[in-house]
Amino acid sequence: MPQEERKMEQFAEGESTHEEIKNKLRQNFDGKIVRKDLTKKIKEVSRGK
């Protein structure tokens, strides 16, 4: 198997793993996960910066 094909398989495998993790997080923590940069921005606005 050529090296490029192996890289593509690994990429696709990593993508499916990412999707699987994302789906599990949404199932268990839906509405509770917030990006850190957004919370920082909200805090800054509320403090009047």
Protein backbone atom coordinates (compact mmCIF):
# COMPACT_ATOMS: atom_id res chain seq x y z
CA MET A 1 0.00 0.00 0.00
CA PRO A 2 1.48 3.36 -1.00
CA GLN A 3 2.33 5.83 1.75
CA GLU A 4 -0.26 8.39 0.55
CA GLU A 5 -3.08 5.85 0.87
CA ARG A 6 -2.00 5.01 4.43
CA LYS A 7 -2.00 8.70 5.35
CA MET A 8 -5.50 9.11 3.93
CA GLU A 9 -6.74 6.10 5.91
CA GLN A 10 -5.24 7.48 9.12
CA PHE A 11 -6.81 10.88 8.40
CA ALA A 12 -10.23 9.33 7.81
CA GLU A 13 -9.87 7.20 10.95
CA GLY A 14 -8.96 10.27 13.00
CA GLU A 15 -11.93 12.13 11.57
CA SER A 16 -14.37 9.38 12.58
CA THR A 17 -12.84 9.27 16.06
CA HIS A 18 -13.29 13.04 16.35
CA GLU A 19 -16.92 12.75 15.29
CA GLU A 20 -17.48 9.92 17.76
CA ILE A 21 -16.03 11.95 20.63
CA LYS A 22 -18.04 15.01 19.63
CA ASN A 23 -21.25 12.98 19.55
CA LYS A 24 -20.57 11.46 22.99
CA LEU A 25 -19.87 14.90 24.46
CA ARG A 26 -23.12 16.25 23.02
CA GLN A 27 -25.07 13.29 24.41
CA ASN A 28 -23.71 13.68 27.92
CA PHE A 29 -23.05 17.41 28.21
CA ASP A 30 -25.45 19.03 25.75
CA GLY A 31 -25.77 22.72 26.57
CA LYS A 32 -22.98 22.59 29.15
CA ILE A 33 -19.97 22.86 26.86
CA VAL A 34 -18.86 26.41 26.09
CA ARG A 35 -15.82 27.59 24.24
CA LYS A 36 -13.33 29.25 26.53
CA ASP A 37 -12.81 32.23 24.22
CA LEU A 38 -16.55 32.99 24.30
CA THR A 39 -16.74 33.00 28.09
CA LYS A 40 -13.72 35.31 28.21
CA LYS A 41 -15.40 37.70 25.76
CA ILE A 42 -18.63 37.70 27.80
CA LYS A 43 -16.72 38.46 31.00
CA GLU A 44 -14.87 41.32 29.32
CA VAL A 45 -18.10 42.86 28.03
CA SER A 46 -19.82 42.53 31.39
CA ARG A 47 -16.87 44.28 33.09
CA GLY A 48 -17.05 47.13 30.57
CA LYS A 49 -13.74 46.51 28.81
